[in-house]
Amino acid sequence: MKTKQIILHLIGEQIRNQLLILTFEKLGFDCNNYTLNISEVILTLVGFDAKSDCLYEQYFQLLEDAAKETSYINLDQMLSKWSNLIYSKLIEIKANEFFSSG
């Protein structure tokens, strides 16, 4: 499996986890202990050496947007769509980081 495929899969799983947590929280459950914490791995695989708070905020906002827009109807298609969008945005952020530091 290529690195991009791994990243896309991990982003999709993080969105799926976020969606489940939001669903259970709507039912009244406290799910803070069940958050899939793989964001650092994803950002490292994308190529970020330094991971600022701003980067994490941007990434988590993307995940939140994806979870809000994703439903259980056509879940796999939505996860694929959002994983690709988030991956593209991370690559864009990484490129901008490179050009702004050089």
C-alpha atoms as a PDB file:
ATOM      1  CA  MET A   1       0.000   0.000   0.000  1.00  0.00           C
ATOM      2  CA  LYS A   2       1.384   3.394  -0.957  1.00  0.00           C
ATOM      3  CA  THR A   3       1.750   6.217   1.550  1.00  0.00           C
ATOM      4  CA  LYS A   4      -1.078   8.244  -0.004  1.00  0.00           C
ATOM      5  CA  GLN A   5      -3.445   5.269   0.245  1.00  0.00           C
ATOM      6  CA  ILE A   6      -2.487   4.778   3.891  1.00  0.00           C
ATOM      7  CA  ILE A   7      -3.087   8.464   4.633  1.00  0.00           C
ATOM      8  CA  LEU A   8      -6.466   8.411   2.874  1.00  0.00           C
ATOM      9  CA  HIS A   9      -7.478   5.291   4.796  1.00  0.00           C
ATOM     10  CA  LEU A  10      -6.432   6.777   8.143  1.00  0.00           C
ATOM     11  CA  ILE A  11      -8.242  10.063   7.448  1.00  0.00           C
ATOM     12  CA  GLY A  12     -11.366   8.085   6.542  1.00  0.00           C
ATOM     13  CA  GLU A  13     -11.155   6.100   9.770  1.00  0.00           C
ATOM     14  CA  GLN A  14     -10.726   9.279  11.792  1.00  0.00           C
ATOM     15  CA  ILE A  15     -13.806  10.785  10.125  1.00  0.00           C
ATOM     16  CA  ARG A  16     -15.747   7.562  10.797  1.00  0.00           C
ATOM     17  CA  ASN A  17     -14.693   7.698  14.449  1.00  0.00           C
ATOM     18  CA  GLN A  18     -15.709  11.356  14.711  1.00  0.00           C
ATOM     19  CA  LEU A  19     -19.080  10.574  13.161  1.00  0.00           C
ATOM     20  CA  LEU A  20     -19.698   7.754  15.651  1.00  0.00           C
ATOM     21  CA  ILE A  21     -18.689   9.932  18.594  1.00  0.00           C
ATOM     22  CA  LEU A  22     -21.017  12.741  17.482  1.00  0.00           C
ATOM     23  CA  THR A  23     -23.871  10.252  17.079  1.00  0.00           C
ATOM     24  CA  PHE A  24     -23.351   8.775  20.543  1.00  0.00           C
ATOM     25  CA  GLU A  25     -23.003  12.230  22.104  1.00  0.00           C
ATOM     26  CA  LYS A  26     -26.387  13.178  20.608  1.00  0.00           C
ATOM     27  CA  LEU A  27     -27.777  10.163  22.474  1.00  0.00           C
ATOM     28  CA  GLY A  28     -26.295  11.474  25.720  1.00  0.00           C
ATOM     29  CA  PHE A  29     -23.131   9.393  26.018  1.00  0.00           C
ATOM     30  CA  ASP A  30     -19.764  10.852  27.037  1.00  0.00           C
ATOM     31  CA  CYS A  31     -17.320   9.610  24.397  1.00  0.00           C
ATOM     32  CA  ASN A  32     -14.216  11.670  25.150  1.00  0.00           C
ATOM     33  CA  ASN A  33     -12.229   8.543  25.996  1.00  0.00           C
ATOM     34  CA  TYR A  34     -13.009   6.909  22.659  1.00  0.00           C
ATOM     35  CA  THR A  35     -11.496   9.441  20.296  1.00  0.00           C
ATOM     36  CA  LEU A  36      -9.227   7.877  17.696  1.00  0.00           C
ATOM     37  CA  ASN A  37      -6.003   9.817  18.201  1.00  0.00           C
ATOM     38  CA  ILE A  38      -4.102   9.297  14.947  1.00  0.00           C
ATOM     39  CA  SER A  39      -3.825  12.882  13.757  1.00  0.00           C
ATOM     40  CA  GLU A  40      -0.106  13.084  14.571  1.00  0.00           C
ATOM     41  CA  VAL A  41       0.565   9.956  12.508  1.00  0.00           C
ATOM     42  CA  ILE A  42      -1.435  11.343   9.577  1.00  0.00           C
ATOM     43  CA  LEU A  43       0.327  14.709   9.670  1.00  0.00           C
ATOM     44  CA  THR A  44       3.735  13.004   9.902  1.00  0.00           C
ATOM     45  CA  LEU A  45       2.936  10.799   6.906  1.00  0.00           C
ATOM     46  CA  VAL A  46       1.897  13.887   4.919  1.00  0.00           C
ATOM     47  CA  GLY A  47       5.355  15.290   5.662  1.00  0.00           C
ATOM     48  CA  PHE A  48       4.898  17.784   8.469  1.00  0.00           C
ATOM     49  CA  ASP A  49       7.943  17.750  10.748  1.00  0.00           C
ATOM     50  CA  ALA A  50       6.813  20.593  12.982  1.00  0.00           C
ATOM     51  CA  LYS A  51       3.154  20.449  13.943  1.00  0.00           C
ATOM     52  CA  SER A  52       1.927  23.786  15.246  1.00  0.00           C
ATOM     53  CA  ASP A  53      -1.279  24.354  17.141  1.00  0.00           C
ATOM     54  CA  CYS A  54      -2.528  26.222  14.068  1.00  0.00           C
ATOM     55  CA  LEU A  55      -1.959  23.136  11.901  1.00  0.00           C
ATOM     56  CA  TYR A  56      -3.870  20.926  14.335  1.00  0.00           C
ATOM     57  CA  GLU A  57      -6.699  23.485  14.494  1.00  0.00           C
ATOM     58  CA  GLN A  58      -6.951  23.515  10.695  1.00  0.00           C
ATOM     59  CA  TYR A  59      -6.894  19.720  10.535  1.00  0.00           C
ATOM     60  CA  PHE A  60      -9.513  19.271  13.250  1.00  0.00           C
ATOM     61  CA  GLN A  61     -11.742  21.882  11.593  1.00  0.00           C
ATOM     62  CA  LEU A  62     -11.547  19.879   8.365  1.00  0.00           C
ATOM     63  CA  LEU A  63     -12.501  16.713  10.268  1.00  0.00           C
ATOM     64  CA  GLU A  64     -15.379  18.507  11.971  1.00  0.00           C
ATOM     65  CA  ASP A  65     -16.661  19.829   8.634  1.00  0.00           C
ATOM     66  CA  ALA A  66     -16.424  16.337   7.148  1.00  0.00           C
ATOM     67  CA  ALA A  67     -18.312  14.773  10.055  1.00  0.00           C
ATOM     68  CA  LYS A  68     -21.065  17.386   9.810  1.00  0.00           C
ATOM     69  CA  GLU A  69     -21.486  16.759   6.081  1.00  0.00           C
ATOM     70  CA  THR A  70     -21.285  12.966   6.271  1.00  0.00           C
ATOM     71  CA  SER A  71     -24.265  10.743   6.887  1.00  0.00           C
ATOM     72  CA  TYR A  72     -24.687   7.003   7.004  1.00  0.00           C
ATOM     73  CA  ILE A  73     -26.241   7.126   3.537  1.00  0.00           C
ATOM     74  CA  ASN A  74     -23.467   6.341   1.040  1.00  0.00           C
ATOM     75  CA  LEU A  75     -20.994   6.395   3.939  1.00  0.00           C
ATOM     76  CA  ASP A  76     -18.109   4.834   2.014  1.00  0.00           C
ATOM     77  CA  GLN A  77     -18.492   7.310  -0.846  1.00  0.00           C
ATOM     78  CA  MET A  78     -18.642  10.236   1.562  1.00  0.00           C
ATOM     79  CA  LEU A  79     -15.581   9.008   3.468  1.00  0.00           C
ATOM     80  CA  SER A  80     -13.670   8.671   0.205  1.00  0.00           C
ATOM     81  CA  LYS A  81     -14.735  12.143  -0.917  1.00  0.00           C
ATOM     82  CA  TRP A  82     -13.811  13.816   2.365  1.00  0.00           C
ATOM     83  CA  SER A  83     -10.576  11.867   2.790  1.00  0.00           C
ATOM     84  CA  ASN A  84      -9.436  13.085  -0.612  1.00  0.00           C
ATOM     85  CA  LEU A  85     -10.502  16.670   0.118  1.00  0.00           C
ATOM     86  CA  ILE A  86      -8.698  16.712   3.460  1.00  0.00           C
ATOM     87  CA  TYR A  87      -5.604  15.094   1.961  1.00  0.00           C
ATOM     88  CA  SER A  88      -5.525  17.722  -0.808  1.00  0.00           C
ATOM     89  CA  LYS A  89      -5.920  20.518   1.728  1.00  0.00           C
ATOM     90  CA  LEU A  90      -3.069  19.131   3.844  1.00  0.00           C
ATOM     91  CA  ILE A  91      -0.834  18.950   0.766  1.00  0.00           C
ATOM     92  CA  GLU A  92      -1.767  22.565  -0.010  1.00  0.00           C
ATOM     93  CA  ILE A  93      -0.946  23.652   3.554  1.00  0.00           C
ATOM     94  CA  LYS A  94       2.370  21.782   3.350  1.00  0.00           C
ATOM     95  CA  ALA A  95       3.233  23.464   0.030  1.00  0.00           C
ATOM     96  CA  ASN A  96       2.352  26.899   1.413  1.00  0.00           C
ATOM     97  CA  GLU A  97       4.503  26.183   4.465  1.00  0.00           C
ATOM     98  CA  PHE A  98       7.415  25.314   2.181  1.00  0.00           C
ATOM     99  CA  PHE A  99       7.048  28.432   0.021  1.00  0.00           C
ATOM    100  CA  SER A 100       6.577  30.768   2.965  1.00  0.00           C
ATOM    101  CA  SER A 101       9.703  29.481   4.735  1.00  0.00           C
ATOM    102  CA  GLY A 102      11.889  29.483   1.604  1.00  0.00           C
END
